[in-house]
Amino acid sequence: MSKTNVRIKKAELSDIDILNKISVESKMYWNYPQEWIDNWMSDLTLTEEHFKEQYIYKLEREDLIIGFCSIVENEKEYEITDLWLIPKYIGKGYGKLLLNETIKRVVKKDKEVIVESDPNSEAFYSSQGFKTFDRKESYPKGHFLSLMKKIYP
């Protein structure tokens, strides 16, 4: 797919329904049981508060929002809280473009950038220079997220 008609813009609160739909569809791409998706729904849902606390950027292709990335700045680090794409765009370079451009726009201080990565996303983040430093148990018991970090100058 061509990336010539894409642009990254700051997301607006009016985008919230589309962004929330994308996060759920993207998570479902990995064929998790519906019970797990239901349990994770609060983690997959942006709220009005997120728009106040986080930097949220959307990726548009032509006039369609195809993904978004959000980062929050904490005292000691930046944290990627969301990176989601409409499933048909996964694995085609759009995630890399969205992640790197969002980091470029948000990360202004010499702090680590961390992410709690789903097992299906660990290889992606690793390919972008992130290193796994720990694991965190998630739902269901025995399912672990990789805690990954990268230092940006």
N, C-alpha and C. Protein backbone atom coordinates (compact mmCIF):
# COMPACT_ATOMS: atom_id res chain seq x y z
N MET A 1 0.83 -1.19 0.00
CA MET A 1 0.00 0.00 0.00
C MET A 1 0.87 1.24 0.00
N SER A 2 0.45 2.21 -0.73
CA SER A 2 1.22 3.45 -0.84
C SER A 2 1.04 4.32 0.40
N LYS A 3 2.13 4.91 0.83
CA LYS A 3 2.08 5.82 1.98
C LYS A 3 2.15 7.27 1.53
N THR A 4 1.86 7.53 0.26
CA THR A 4 1.96 8.90 -0.25
C THR A 4 0.82 9.79 0.21
N ASN A 5 -0.35 9.23 0.46
CA ASN A 5 -1.50 10.04 0.87
C ASN A 5 -1.76 9.94 2.36
N VAL A 6 -0.69 9.90 3.17
CA VAL A 6 -0.87 9.80 4.61
C VAL A 6 -0.39 11.07 5.29
N ARG A 7 -0.99 11.33 6.44
CA ARG A 7 -0.55 12.46 7.25
C ARG A 7 -0.84 12.14 8.71
N ILE A 8 -0.03 12.70 9.56
CA ILE A 8 -0.18 12.52 11.00
C ILE A 8 -0.56 13.86 11.59
N LYS A 9 -1.65 13.84 12.35
CA LYS A 9 -2.16 15.07 12.95
C LYS A 9 -2.54 14.80 14.40
N LYS A 10 -2.55 15.85 15.19
CA LYS A 10 -3.01 15.74 16.56
C LYS A 10 -4.48 15.31 16.54
N ALA A 11 -4.79 14.28 17.31
CA ALA A 11 -6.18 13.81 17.39
C ALA A 11 -7.01 14.81 18.18
N GLU A 12 -8.27 14.85 17.86
CA GLU A 12 -9.20 15.73 18.55
C GLU A 12 -10.23 14.89 19.29
N LEU A 13 -10.83 15.46 20.31
CA LEU A 13 -11.84 14.75 21.08
C LEU A 13 -12.96 14.22 20.18
N SER A 14 -13.25 14.93 19.12
CA SER A 14 -14.31 14.48 18.19
C SER A 14 -13.94 13.18 17.47
N ASP A 15 -12.66 12.77 17.53
CA ASP A 15 -12.21 11.52 16.92
C ASP A 15 -12.38 10.32 17.84
N ILE A 16 -12.79 10.52 19.08
CA ILE A 16 -12.72 9.49 20.11
C ILE A 16 -13.44 8.19 19.72
N ASP A 17 -14.62 8.27 19.14
CA ASP A 17 -15.36 7.04 18.80
C ASP A 17 -14.61 6.22 17.76
N ILE A 18 -14.07 6.88 16.76
CA ILE A 18 -13.31 6.19 15.71
C ILE A 18 -12.04 5.57 16.31
N LEU A 19 -11.34 6.31 17.14
CA LEU A 19 -10.10 5.81 17.75
C LEU A 19 -10.38 4.60 18.64
N ASN A 20 -11.45 4.66 19.41
CA ASN A 20 -11.80 3.53 20.28
C ASN A 20 -12.19 2.30 19.46
N LYS A 21 -12.84 2.50 18.35
CA LYS A 21 -13.19 1.38 17.46
C LYS A 21 -11.92 0.75 16.89
N ILE A 22 -10.96 1.59 16.51
CA ILE A 22 -9.70 1.09 15.95
C ILE A 22 -8.93 0.27 16.99
N SER A 23 -8.87 0.73 18.23
CA SER A 23 -8.10 -0.02 19.25
C SER A 23 -8.70 -1.41 19.47
N VAL A 24 -10.00 -1.51 19.51
CA VAL A 24 -10.64 -2.82 19.71
C VAL A 24 -10.42 -3.72 18.50
N GLU A 25 -10.64 -3.18 17.30
CA GLU A 25 -10.42 -3.97 16.09
C GLU A 25 -8.97 -4.45 15.99
N SER A 26 -8.05 -3.58 16.35
CA SER A 26 -6.63 -3.92 16.29
C SER A 26 -6.29 -5.03 17.28
N LYS A 27 -6.82 -4.96 18.49
CA LYS A 27 -6.57 -6.01 19.48
C LYS A 27 -7.20 -7.33 19.04
N MET A 28 -8.37 -7.26 18.44
CA MET A 28 -9.07 -8.46 17.98
C MET A 28 -8.32 -9.14 16.82
N TYR A 29 -7.50 -8.39 16.11
CA TYR A 29 -6.71 -8.92 15.01
C TYR A 29 -5.89 -10.14 15.44
N TRP A 30 -5.50 -10.18 16.71
CA TRP A 30 -4.65 -11.25 17.23
C TRP A 30 -5.44 -12.46 17.70
N ASN A 31 -6.74 -12.49 17.42
CA ASN A 31 -7.60 -13.64 17.71
C ASN A 31 -7.67 -14.01 19.20
N TYR A 32 -7.67 -12.99 20.04
CA TYR A 32 -7.89 -13.24 21.45
C TYR A 32 -9.36 -13.59 21.67
N PRO A 33 -9.65 -14.41 22.68
CA PRO A 33 -11.05 -14.72 22.98
C PRO A 33 -11.82 -13.46 23.37
N GLN A 34 -13.10 -13.44 23.03
CA GLN A 34 -13.94 -12.27 23.32
C GLN A 34 -13.94 -11.95 24.81
N GLU A 35 -13.88 -12.95 25.66
CA GLU A 35 -13.85 -12.74 27.11
C GLU A 35 -12.63 -11.90 27.50
N TRP A 36 -11.49 -12.15 26.87
CA TRP A 36 -10.29 -11.38 27.16
C TRP A 36 -10.46 -9.94 26.69
N ILE A 37 -10.98 -9.79 25.48
CA ILE A 37 -11.22 -8.43 24.93
C ILE A 37 -12.14 -7.66 25.87
N ASP A 38 -13.22 -8.31 26.31
CA ASP A 38 -14.15 -7.65 27.23
C ASP A 38 -13.44 -7.21 28.51
N ASN A 39 -12.56 -8.05 29.03
CA ASN A 39 -11.83 -7.73 30.25
C ASN A 39 -10.87 -6.57 30.04
N TRP A 40 -10.31 -6.47 28.84
CA TRP A 40 -9.34 -5.41 28.54
C TRP A 40 -10.00 -4.11 28.06
N MET A 41 -11.32 -4.09 27.96
CA MET A 41 -12.00 -2.95 27.33
C MET A 41 -11.63 -1.60 27.95
N SER A 42 -11.46 -1.53 29.26
CA SER A 42 -11.11 -0.23 29.85
C SER A 42 -9.72 0.22 29.39
N ASP A 43 -8.81 -0.73 29.15
CA ASP A 43 -7.47 -0.38 28.64
C ASP A 43 -7.50 -0.01 27.17
N LEU A 44 -8.52 -0.45 26.46
CA LEU A 44 -8.64 -0.19 25.03
C LEU A 44 -9.43 1.07 24.72
N THR A 45 -9.96 1.73 25.75
CA THR A 45 -10.89 2.84 25.57
C THR A 45 -10.28 4.16 25.99
N LEU A 46 -10.20 5.08 25.05
CA LEU A 46 -9.79 6.45 25.37
C LEU A 46 -10.97 7.19 26.01
N THR A 47 -10.65 8.08 26.92
CA THR A 47 -11.66 8.92 27.55
C THR A 47 -11.30 10.38 27.30
N GLU A 48 -12.20 11.25 27.65
CA GLU A 48 -11.93 12.68 27.54
C GLU A 48 -10.70 13.06 28.36
N GLU A 49 -10.52 12.40 29.50
CA GLU A 49 -9.36 12.67 30.37
C GLU A 49 -8.04 12.35 29.66
N HIS A 50 -8.03 11.29 28.85
CA HIS A 50 -6.82 10.94 28.11
C HIS A 50 -6.40 12.08 27.18
N PHE A 51 -7.36 12.75 26.60
CA PHE A 51 -7.05 13.85 25.69
C PHE A 51 -6.43 15.04 26.44
N LYS A 52 -6.67 15.13 27.73
CA LYS A 52 -6.08 16.20 28.53
C LYS A 52 -4.69 15.82 29.02
N GLU A 53 -4.45 14.53 29.24
CA GLU A 53 -3.21 14.07 29.88
C GLU A 53 -2.16 13.56 28.90
N GLN A 54 -2.57 13.19 27.70
CA GLN A 54 -1.67 12.52 26.77
C GLN A 54 -1.56 13.29 25.46
N TYR A 55 -0.49 12.99 24.75
CA TYR A 55 -0.33 13.47 23.38
C TYR A 55 -0.86 12.36 22.49
N ILE A 56 -1.91 12.65 21.75
CA ILE A 56 -2.55 11.63 20.91
C ILE A 56 -2.49 12.11 19.46
N TYR A 57 -1.87 11.29 18.62
CA TYR A 57 -1.75 11.60 17.20
C TYR A 57 -2.44 10.53 16.38
N LYS A 58 -3.12 10.98 15.34
CA LYS A 58 -3.83 10.05 14.45
C LYS A 58 -3.12 9.99 13.11
N LEU A 59 -3.21 8.85 12.48
CA LEU A 59 -2.65 8.63 11.15
C LEU A 59 -3.82 8.55 10.19
N GLU A 60 -3.81 9.44 9.20
CA GLU A 60 -4.88 9.46 8.20
C GLU A 60 -4.32 9.04 6.86
N ARG A 61 -5.08 8.25 6.17
CA ARG A 61 -4.75 7.87 4.79
C ARG A 61 -5.92 8.34 3.96
N GLU A 62 -5.62 9.26 3.05
CA GLU A 62 -6.65 10.00 2.34
C GLU A 62 -7.48 10.69 3.41
N ASP A 63 -8.76 10.44 3.55
CA ASP A 63 -9.53 11.11 4.61
C ASP A 63 -9.99 10.15 5.70
N LEU A 64 -9.37 8.99 5.78
CA LEU A 64 -9.75 7.96 6.73
C LEU A 64 -8.70 7.85 7.84
N ILE A 65 -9.15 7.87 9.09
CA ILE A 65 -8.23 7.62 10.21
C ILE A 65 -7.96 6.12 10.22
N ILE A 66 -6.67 5.75 10.10
CA ILE A 66 -6.32 4.33 10.05
C ILE A 66 -5.56 3.87 11.30
N GLY A 67 -5.21 4.80 12.18
CA GLY A 67 -4.52 4.41 13.40
C GLY A 67 -4.24 5.60 14.28
N PHE A 68 -3.73 5.30 15.48
CA PHE A 68 -3.34 6.39 16.38
C PHE A 68 -2.29 5.90 17.36
N CYS A 69 -1.57 6.85 17.90
CA CYS A 69 -0.53 6.60 18.89
C CYS A 69 -0.67 7.66 19.98
N SER A 70 -0.53 7.23 21.22
CA SER A 70 -0.57 8.21 22.31
C SER A 70 0.60 7.98 23.26
N ILE A 71 1.10 9.09 23.76
CA ILE A 71 2.24 9.08 24.68
C ILE A 71 1.93 10.03 25.83
N VAL A 72 2.28 9.60 27.03
CA VAL A 72 2.15 10.45 28.20
C VAL A 72 3.56 10.72 28.74
N GLU A 73 3.78 11.94 29.20
CA GLU A 73 5.07 12.26 29.82
C GLU A 73 4.91 12.16 31.33
N ASN A 74 5.68 11.27 31.93
CA ASN A 74 5.74 11.14 33.37
C ASN A 74 6.99 11.85 33.87
N GLU A 75 7.15 11.90 35.18
CA GLU A 75 8.29 12.60 35.76
C GLU A 75 9.64 12.03 35.27
N LYS A 76 9.73 10.70 35.21
CA LYS A 76 11.01 10.08 34.88
C LYS A 76 11.11 9.52 33.47
N GLU A 77 9.97 9.39 32.77
CA GLU A 77 10.00 8.80 31.44
C GLU A 77 8.77 9.21 30.64
N TYR A 78 8.82 8.89 29.37
CA TYR A 78 7.65 8.95 28.51
C TYR A 78 7.11 7.53 28.40
N GLU A 79 5.80 7.41 28.26
CA GLU A 79 5.21 6.08 28.10
C GLU A 79 4.27 6.07 26.89
N ILE A 80 4.51 5.11 26.02
CA ILE A 80 3.59 4.88 24.90
C ILE A 80 2.40 4.13 25.48
N THR A 81 1.24 4.75 25.47
CA THR A 81 0.06 4.13 26.06
C THR A 81 -0.81 3.45 25.02
N ASP A 82 -0.71 3.87 23.78
CA ASP A 82 -1.50 3.27 22.70
C ASP A 82 -0.73 3.35 21.40
N LEU A 83 -0.85 2.30 20.62
CA LEU A 83 -0.41 2.30 19.22
C LEU A 83 -1.27 1.26 18.52
N TRP A 84 -2.24 1.74 17.75
CA TRP A 84 -3.22 0.86 17.13
C TRP A 84 -3.42 1.24 15.67
N LEU A 85 -3.66 0.23 14.86
CA LEU A 85 -3.96 0.42 13.44
C LEU A 85 -5.17 -0.42 13.06
N ILE A 86 -5.92 0.05 12.08
CA ILE A 86 -6.95 -0.79 11.47
C ILE A 86 -6.22 -2.04 10.96
N PRO A 87 -6.74 -3.23 11.24
CA PRO A 87 -6.01 -4.46 10.93
C PRO A 87 -5.45 -4.58 9.51
N LYS A 88 -6.15 -4.12 8.51
CA LYS A 88 -5.62 -4.31 7.15
C LYS A 88 -4.35 -3.49 6.88
N TYR A 89 -4.00 -2.57 7.80
CA TYR A 89 -2.78 -1.77 7.65
C TYR A 89 -1.63 -2.29 8.52
N ILE A 90 -1.88 -3.31 9.33
CA ILE A 90 -0.84 -3.89 10.19
C ILE A 90 0.18 -4.62 9.31
N GLY A 91 1.45 -4.42 9.62
CA GLY A 91 2.51 -5.12 8.91
C GLY A 91 2.92 -4.49 7.59
N LYS A 92 2.49 -3.26 7.35
CA LYS A 92 2.78 -2.60 6.07
C LYS A 92 3.60 -1.33 6.24
N GLY A 93 4.16 -1.11 7.44
CA GLY A 93 5.02 0.05 7.67
C GLY A 93 4.32 1.25 8.27
N TYR A 94 3.00 1.20 8.39
CA TYR A 94 2.28 2.34 8.95
C TYR A 94 2.53 2.51 10.44
N GLY A 95 2.65 1.40 11.17
CA GLY A 95 2.92 1.47 12.61
C GLY A 95 4.27 2.11 12.88
N LYS A 96 5.27 1.73 12.12
CA LYS A 96 6.61 2.31 12.26
C LYS A 96 6.56 3.81 11.99
N LEU A 97 5.90 4.20 10.92
CA LEU A 97 5.76 5.61 10.58
C LEU A 97 5.06 6.38 11.69
N LEU A 98 3.95 5.85 12.17
CA LEU A 98 3.17 6.51 13.21
C LEU A 98 3.96 6.60 14.52
N LEU A 99 4.58 5.51 14.93
CA LEU A 99 5.36 5.51 16.17
C LEU A 99 6.50 6.51 16.10
N ASN A 100 7.30 6.44 15.07
CA ASN A 100 8.47 7.31 14.99
C ASN A 100 8.11 8.78 14.86
N GLU A 101 7.06 9.08 14.12
CA GLU A 101 6.66 10.48 13.97
C GLU A 101 6.05 11.01 15.27
N THR A 102 5.30 10.19 15.97
CA THR A 102 4.73 10.62 17.25
C THR A 102 5.84 10.88 18.26
N ILE A 103 6.80 9.97 18.33
CA ILE A 103 7.94 10.15 19.24
C ILE A 103 8.69 11.43 18.88
N LYS A 104 8.91 11.64 17.60
CA LYS A 104 9.62 12.84 17.15
C LYS A 104 8.90 14.12 17.58
N ARG A 105 7.60 14.10 17.57
CA ARG A 105 6.82 15.29 17.94
C ARG A 105 6.70 15.48 19.44
N VAL A 106 6.75 14.40 20.22
CA VAL A 106 6.46 14.47 21.65
C VAL A 106 7.70 14.47 22.52
N VAL A 107 8.65 13.59 22.23
CA VAL A 107 9.80 13.39 23.12
C VAL A 107 10.80 14.53 22.92
N LYS A 108 10.88 15.39 23.93
CA LYS A 108 11.75 16.57 23.85
C LYS A 108 12.84 16.57 24.91
N LYS A 109 12.78 15.65 25.85
CA LYS A 109 13.76 15.60 26.93
C LYS A 109 14.47 14.26 26.90
N ASP A 110 15.68 14.23 27.45
CA ASP A 110 16.45 12.99 27.50
C ASP A 110 15.88 12.08 28.59
N LYS A 111 14.84 11.36 28.22
CA LYS A 111 14.22 10.41 29.13
C LYS A 111 13.99 9.12 28.35
N GLU A 112 13.87 8.03 29.08
CA GLU A 112 13.51 6.78 28.44
C GLU A 112 12.08 6.84 27.93
N VAL A 113 11.84 6.09 26.88
CA VAL A 113 10.48 5.88 26.39
C VAL A 113 10.17 4.42 26.68
N ILE A 114 9.10 4.19 27.43
CA ILE A 114 8.75 2.82 27.79
C ILE A 114 7.41 2.43 27.16
N VAL A 115 7.19 1.14 27.09
CA VAL A 115 5.92 0.62 26.58
C VAL A 115 5.67 -0.73 27.23
N GLU A 116 4.41 -1.00 27.56
CA GLU A 116 3.98 -2.33 27.98
C GLU A 116 3.48 -3.00 26.71
N SER A 117 4.26 -3.92 26.19
CA SER A 117 3.96 -4.51 24.89
C SER A 117 3.23 -5.83 25.01
N ASP A 118 2.16 -5.95 24.24
CA ASP A 118 1.49 -7.22 24.06
C ASP A 118 2.50 -8.20 23.45
N PRO A 119 2.41 -9.49 23.76
CA PRO A 119 3.35 -10.45 23.16
C PRO A 119 3.40 -10.38 21.62
N ASN A 120 2.27 -10.07 21.00
CA ASN A 120 2.23 -9.98 19.54
C ASN A 120 2.93 -8.75 18.99
N SER A 121 3.21 -7.76 19.84
CA SER A 121 3.85 -6.52 19.40
C SER A 121 5.32 -6.43 19.79
N GLU A 122 5.79 -7.38 20.58
CA GLU A 122 7.16 -7.30 21.08
C GLU A 122 8.18 -7.26 19.93
N ALA A 123 8.00 -8.08 18.91
CA ALA A 123 8.95 -8.09 17.79
C ALA A 123 8.95 -6.74 17.07
N PHE A 124 7.78 -6.12 16.94
CA PHE A 124 7.69 -4.80 16.31
C PHE A 124 8.51 -3.78 17.10
N TYR A 125 8.26 -3.69 18.40
CA TYR A 125 8.99 -2.71 19.21
C TYR A 125 10.49 -3.01 19.23
N SER A 126 10.83 -4.29 19.27
CA SER A 126 12.24 -4.68 19.22
C SER A 126 12.88 -4.20 17.93
N SER A 127 12.15 -4.30 16.82
CA SER A 127 12.69 -3.84 15.53
C SER A 127 12.87 -2.33 15.49
N GLN A 128 12.23 -1.62 16.42
CA GLN A 128 12.35 -0.17 16.49
C GLN A 128 13.37 0.26 17.55
N GLY A 129 14.11 -0.70 18.07
CA GLY A 129 15.18 -0.38 19.01
C GLY A 129 14.82 -0.50 20.48
N PHE A 130 13.61 -0.93 20.80
CA PHE A 130 13.21 -1.10 22.19
C PHE A 130 13.79 -2.41 22.72
N LYS A 131 14.16 -2.40 23.99
CA LYS A 131 14.73 -3.57 24.66
C LYS A 131 13.82 -3.99 25.80
N THR A 132 13.56 -5.28 25.90
CA THR A 132 12.75 -5.81 27.00
C THR A 132 13.58 -5.81 28.28
N PHE A 133 13.01 -5.25 29.35
CA PHE A 133 13.73 -5.22 30.62
C PHE A 133 12.97 -5.93 31.74
N ASP A 134 11.72 -6.29 31.49
CA ASP A 134 10.94 -6.99 32.52
C ASP A 134 9.65 -7.50 31.89
N ARG A 135 8.90 -8.23 32.65
CA ARG A 135 7.58 -8.71 32.22
C ARG A 135 6.58 -8.40 33.33
N LYS A 136 5.33 -8.21 32.91
CA LYS A 136 4.26 -7.88 33.86
C LYS A 136 3.09 -8.79 33.56
N GLU A 137 2.59 -9.45 34.60
CA GLU A 137 1.45 -10.33 34.38
C GLU A 137 0.20 -9.50 34.11
N SER A 138 -0.59 -9.98 33.19
CA SER A 138 -1.80 -9.30 32.76
C SER A 138 -2.97 -10.29 32.92
N TYR A 139 -4.07 -9.94 32.30
CA TYR A 139 -5.20 -10.86 32.26
C TYR A 139 -5.11 -11.67 30.99
N PRO A 140 -5.41 -12.95 31.02
CA PRO A 140 -5.69 -13.79 32.18
C PRO A 140 -4.39 -14.22 32.87
N LYS A 141 -4.52 -14.84 34.00
CA LYS A 141 -3.34 -15.30 34.74
C LYS A 141 -2.47 -16.12 33.79
N GLY A 142 -1.18 -15.81 33.82
CA GLY A 142 -0.24 -16.50 32.94
C GLY A 142 0.02 -15.78 31.63
N HIS A 143 -0.71 -14.70 31.35
CA HIS A 143 -0.49 -13.87 30.16
C HIS A 143 0.38 -12.69 30.59
N PHE A 144 1.50 -12.51 29.92
CA PHE A 144 2.45 -11.47 30.33
C PHE A 144 2.64 -10.42 29.24
N LEU A 145 2.82 -9.18 29.68
CA LEU A 145 3.20 -8.08 28.82
C LEU A 145 4.70 -7.87 28.98
N SER A 146 5.36 -7.51 27.90
CA SER A 146 6.78 -7.19 27.96
C SER A 146 6.94 -5.72 28.28
N LEU A 147 7.74 -5.41 29.27
CA LEU A 147 8.08 -4.02 29.56
C LEU A 147 9.34 -3.71 28.77
N MET A 148 9.23 -2.72 27.91
CA MET A 148 10.32 -2.41 26.97
C MET A 148 10.69 -0.94 27.09
N LYS A 149 11.94 -0.61 26.74
CA LYS A 149 12.37 0.78 26.82
C LYS A 149 13.37 1.09 25.72
N LYS A 150 13.45 2.38 25.46
CA LYS A 150 14.43 2.91 24.50
C LYS A 150 14.76 4.33 24.96
N ILE A 151 16.02 4.70 24.83
CA ILE A 151 16.41 6.06 25.20
C ILE A 151 16.54 6.88 23.92
N TYR A 152 15.87 8.00 23.91
CA TYR A 152 15.94 8.92 22.77
C TYR A 152 16.76 10.12 23.17
N PRO A 153 17.71 10.49 22.32
CA PRO A 153 18.52 11.68 22.64
C PRO A 153 17.72 12.97 22.52
